[in-house]
Amino acid sequence: MADKPSRSLVPSKGDGVFKDLLNRAKLIMRLMGDARVSPLLKLLPIGTLVYFVVPDLAPGPIDDAAIIWLGTYLFVELCPAEVVREHMNALTSVVDAEWRELDEKAGGPGDDSPPPDSPPPA
């Protein structure tokens, strides 16, 4: 197989389990809407969702959580790496901005009065 950059199964940032699950769900939704991902590959999370709704499809004592995890993991792993990387960067990027307070005299959102140094309307 071609050299594929390895992706870790373990979250690396330490943000917490629920945040990681939420990011994984957002990533899957973004990948489902991306035209660069194969339509056949998109059947994997759909099948996982069907299994989640109707869990008696597989015979035997198969753990539902393991099947759901495997389906979502395989979907992300089989998607093109550059597409996954692009969407993960978009989900985890931080906007470089500066917080500033609005001056009460200059008016804020919802303040219909003109600023104090502007001429009165004609």
C-alpha atoms as a PDB file:
ATOM      1  CA  MET A   1       0.000   0.000   0.000  1.00  0.00           C
ATOM      2  CA  ALA A   2       1.046   3.583  -0.446  1.00  0.00           C
ATOM      3  CA  ASP A   3       2.546   5.447   2.468  1.00  0.00           C
ATOM      4  CA  LYS A   4      -0.441   6.900   4.234  1.00  0.00           C
ATOM      5  CA  PRO A   5       0.016   9.282   7.140  1.00  0.00           C
ATOM      6  CA  SER A   6      -1.127   7.527  10.275  1.00  0.00           C
ATOM      7  CA  ARG A   7      -4.071   8.948  12.160  1.00  0.00           C
ATOM      8  CA  SER A   8      -4.306   8.260  15.842  1.00  0.00           C
ATOM      9  CA  LEU A   9      -7.254   6.472  17.404  1.00  0.00           C
ATOM     10  CA  VAL A  10      -6.682   8.360  20.629  1.00  0.00           C
ATOM     11  CA  PRO A  11      -7.619  12.051  20.756  1.00  0.00           C
ATOM     12  CA  SER A  12      -4.452  14.102  21.151  1.00  0.00           C
ATOM     13  CA  LYS A  13      -5.643  17.462  22.449  1.00  0.00           C
ATOM     14  CA  GLY A  14      -7.183  16.325  25.728  1.00  0.00           C
ATOM     15  CA  ASP A  15     -10.334  18.409  25.175  1.00  0.00           C
ATOM     16  CA  GLY A  16     -12.602  15.756  26.624  1.00  0.00           C
ATOM     17  CA  VAL A  17     -14.594  12.808  25.402  1.00  0.00           C
ATOM     18  CA  PHE A  18     -17.785  14.710  24.639  1.00  0.00           C
ATOM     19  CA  LYS A  19     -15.996  17.410  22.648  1.00  0.00           C
ATOM     20  CA  ASP A  20     -14.170  14.724  20.674  1.00  0.00           C
ATOM     21  CA  LEU A  21     -17.458  12.933  19.958  1.00  0.00           C
ATOM     22  CA  LEU A  22     -19.055  16.199  18.875  1.00  0.00           C
ATOM     23  CA  ASN A  23     -16.106  17.016  16.590  1.00  0.00           C
ATOM     24  CA  ARG A  24     -16.248  13.501  15.109  1.00  0.00           C
ATOM     25  CA  ALA A  25     -19.986  13.887  14.416  1.00  0.00           C
ATOM     26  CA  LYS A  26     -19.413  17.296  12.809  1.00  0.00           C
ATOM     27  CA  LEU A  27     -16.562  15.866  10.727  1.00  0.00           C
ATOM     28  CA  ILE A  28     -18.768  13.011   9.499  1.00  0.00           C
ATOM     29  CA  MET A  29     -21.561  15.441   8.577  1.00  0.00           C
ATOM     30  CA  ARG A  30     -19.113  17.640   6.657  1.00  0.00           C
ATOM     31  CA  LEU A  31     -17.639  14.621   4.855  1.00  0.00           C
ATOM     32  CA  MET A  32     -21.131  13.384   3.963  1.00  0.00           C
ATOM     33  CA  GLY A  33     -21.806  16.709   2.244  1.00  0.00           C
ATOM     34  CA  ASP A  34     -18.466  16.820   0.412  1.00  0.00           C
ATOM     35  CA  ALA A  35     -18.631  15.852  -3.267  1.00  0.00           C
ATOM     36  CA  ARG A  36     -15.003  14.622  -3.187  1.00  0.00           C
ATOM     37  CA  VAL A  37     -16.024  11.649  -1.003  1.00  0.00           C
ATOM     38  CA  SER A  38     -17.266   8.597  -2.892  1.00  0.00           C
ATOM     39  CA  PRO A  39     -21.045   8.023  -2.760  1.00  0.00           C
ATOM     40  CA  LEU A  40     -20.410   4.331  -2.045  1.00  0.00           C
ATOM     41  CA  LEU A  41     -18.300   5.289   0.942  1.00  0.00           C
ATOM     42  CA  LYS A  42     -21.126   7.482   2.222  1.00  0.00           C
ATOM     43  CA  LEU A  43     -23.224   4.329   2.600  1.00  0.00           C
ATOM     44  CA  LEU A  44     -21.065   3.325   5.584  1.00  0.00           C
ATOM     45  CA  PRO A  45     -22.320   5.973   8.051  1.00  0.00           C
ATOM     46  CA  ILE A  46     -25.842   5.599   6.648  1.00  0.00           C
ATOM     47  CA  GLY A  47     -25.689   1.856   7.329  1.00  0.00           C
ATOM     48  CA  THR A  48     -24.326   2.559  10.795  1.00  0.00           C
ATOM     49  CA  LEU A  49     -27.225   4.918  11.461  1.00  0.00           C
ATOM     50  CA  VAL A  50     -29.702   2.271  10.247  1.00  0.00           C
ATOM     51  CA  TYR A  51     -28.066  -0.244  12.589  1.00  0.00           C
ATOM     52  CA  PHE A  52     -28.389   2.279  15.427  1.00  0.00           C
ATOM     53  CA  VAL A  53     -32.135   2.634  14.757  1.00  0.00           C
ATOM     54  CA  VAL A  54     -32.770  -1.083  14.082  1.00  0.00           C
ATOM     55  CA  PRO A  55     -30.079  -2.909  16.116  1.00  0.00           C
ATOM     56  CA  ASP A  56     -31.365  -6.446  15.552  1.00  0.00           C
ATOM     57  CA  LEU A  57     -29.927  -6.684  12.034  1.00  0.00           C
ATOM     58  CA  ALA A  58     -26.806  -8.557  13.130  1.00  0.00           C
ATOM     59  CA  PRO A  59     -27.265 -11.925  14.841  1.00  0.00           C
ATOM     60  CA  GLY A  60     -25.479 -12.743  18.068  1.00  0.00           C
ATOM     61  CA  PRO A  61     -24.216 -10.706  20.983  1.00  0.00           C
ATOM     62  CA  ILE A  62     -22.562  -7.905  19.007  1.00  0.00           C
ATOM     63  CA  ASP A  63     -22.097  -4.765  21.022  1.00  0.00           C
ATOM     64  CA  ASP A  64     -23.983  -1.900  19.374  1.00  0.00           C
ATOM     65  CA  ALA A  65     -21.489   0.725  20.489  1.00  0.00           C
ATOM     66  CA  ALA A  66     -18.621  -1.234  18.907  1.00  0.00           C
ATOM     67  CA  ILE A  67     -20.460  -1.487  15.569  1.00  0.00           C
ATOM     68  CA  ILE A  68     -21.294   2.219  15.559  1.00  0.00           C
ATOM     69  CA  TRP A  69     -17.708   3.145  16.485  1.00  0.00           C
ATOM     70  CA  LEU A  70     -16.300   0.822  13.808  1.00  0.00           C
ATOM     71  CA  GLY A  71     -18.594   2.218  11.099  1.00  0.00           C
ATOM     72  CA  THR A  72     -17.755   5.837  11.855  1.00  0.00           C
ATOM     73  CA  TYR A  73     -14.040   5.099  12.283  1.00  0.00           C
ATOM     74  CA  LEU A  74     -13.840   3.223   8.967  1.00  0.00           C
ATOM     75  CA  PHE A  75     -15.701   5.999   7.170  1.00  0.00           C
ATOM     76  CA  VAL A  76     -13.244   8.670   8.314  1.00  0.00           C
ATOM     77  CA  GLU A  77     -10.231   6.421   7.665  1.00  0.00           C
ATOM     78  CA  LEU A  78     -11.369   5.507   4.137  1.00  0.00           C
ATOM     79  CA  CYS A  79     -12.115   9.096   3.114  1.00  0.00           C
ATOM     80  CA  PRO A  80      -9.314  10.880   1.231  1.00  0.00           C
ATOM     81  CA  ALA A  81      -6.767  12.090   3.798  1.00  0.00           C
ATOM     82  CA  GLU A  82      -6.493  15.608   2.357  1.00  0.00           C
ATOM     83  CA  VAL A  83     -10.279  16.065   2.512  1.00  0.00           C
ATOM     84  CA  VAL A  84     -10.386  14.870   6.139  1.00  0.00           C
ATOM     85  CA  ARG A  85      -7.464  17.151   7.018  1.00  0.00           C
ATOM     86  CA  GLU A  86      -9.173  20.138   5.373  1.00  0.00           C
ATOM     87  CA  HIS A  87     -12.402  19.602   7.297  1.00  0.00           C
ATOM     88  CA  MET A  88     -10.598  18.931  10.606  1.00  0.00           C
ATOM     89  CA  ASN A  89      -8.619  22.154  10.190  1.00  0.00           C
ATOM     90  CA  ALA A  90     -11.854  24.046   9.568  1.00  0.00           C
ATOM     91  CA  LEU A  91     -13.465  22.504  12.661  1.00  0.00           C
ATOM     92  CA  THR A  92     -10.528  23.094  14.992  1.00  0.00           C
ATOM     93  CA  SER A  93      -9.232  26.409  13.685  1.00  0.00           C
ATOM     94  CA  VAL A  94      -9.228  29.415  15.958  1.00  0.00           C
ATOM     95  CA  VAL A  95     -10.039  32.850  14.622  1.00  0.00           C
ATOM     96  CA  ASP A  96      -7.312  35.302  15.531  1.00  0.00           C
ATOM     97  CA  ALA A  97      -9.232  38.264  16.869  1.00  0.00           C
ATOM     98  CA  GLU A  98      -9.163  40.809  19.615  1.00  0.00           C
ATOM     99  CA  TRP A  99     -11.957  41.469  22.092  1.00  0.00           C
ATOM    100  CA  ARG A 100     -12.948  45.070  22.576  1.00  0.00           C
ATOM    101  CA  GLU A 101     -15.587  46.828  24.640  1.00  0.00           C
ATOM    102  CA  LEU A 102     -17.996  49.247  23.006  1.00  0.00           C
ATOM    103  CA  ASP A 103     -18.011  52.739  24.416  1.00  0.00           C
ATOM    104  CA  GLU A 104     -21.408  53.445  25.966  1.00  0.00           C
ATOM    105  CA  LYS A 105     -21.324  57.068  24.753  1.00  0.00           C
ATOM    106  CA  ALA A 106     -20.809  56.017  21.131  1.00  0.00           C
ATOM    107  CA  GLY A 107     -23.825  53.736  21.238  1.00  0.00           C
ATOM    108  CA  GLY A 108     -23.922  50.016  20.935  1.00  0.00           C
ATOM    109  CA  PRO A 109     -26.054  47.469  19.149  1.00  0.00           C
ATOM    110  CA  GLY A 110     -29.687  48.446  19.323  1.00  0.00           C
ATOM    111  CA  ASP A 111     -28.914  52.076  20.173  1.00  0.00           C
ATOM    112  CA  ASP A 112     -30.738  54.240  17.609  1.00  0.00           C
ATOM    113  CA  SER A 113     -29.442  57.543  18.926  1.00  0.00           C
ATOM    114  CA  PRO A 114     -26.723  59.276  16.876  1.00  0.00           C
ATOM    115  CA  PRO A 115     -23.195  59.441  18.283  1.00  0.00           C
ATOM    116  CA  PRO A 116     -22.634  62.509  20.461  1.00  0.00           C
ATOM    117  CA  ASP A 117     -20.232  64.242  18.040  1.00  0.00           C
ATOM    118  CA  SER A 118     -22.399  63.864  14.914  1.00  0.00           C
ATOM    119  CA  PRO A 119     -24.587  66.719  13.600  1.00  0.00           C
ATOM    120  CA  PRO A 120     -28.323  66.433  14.182  1.00  0.00           C
ATOM    121  CA  PRO A 121     -30.330  65.025  11.257  1.00  0.00           C
ATOM    122  CA  ALA A 122     -31.882  67.609   8.939  1.00  0.00           C
END
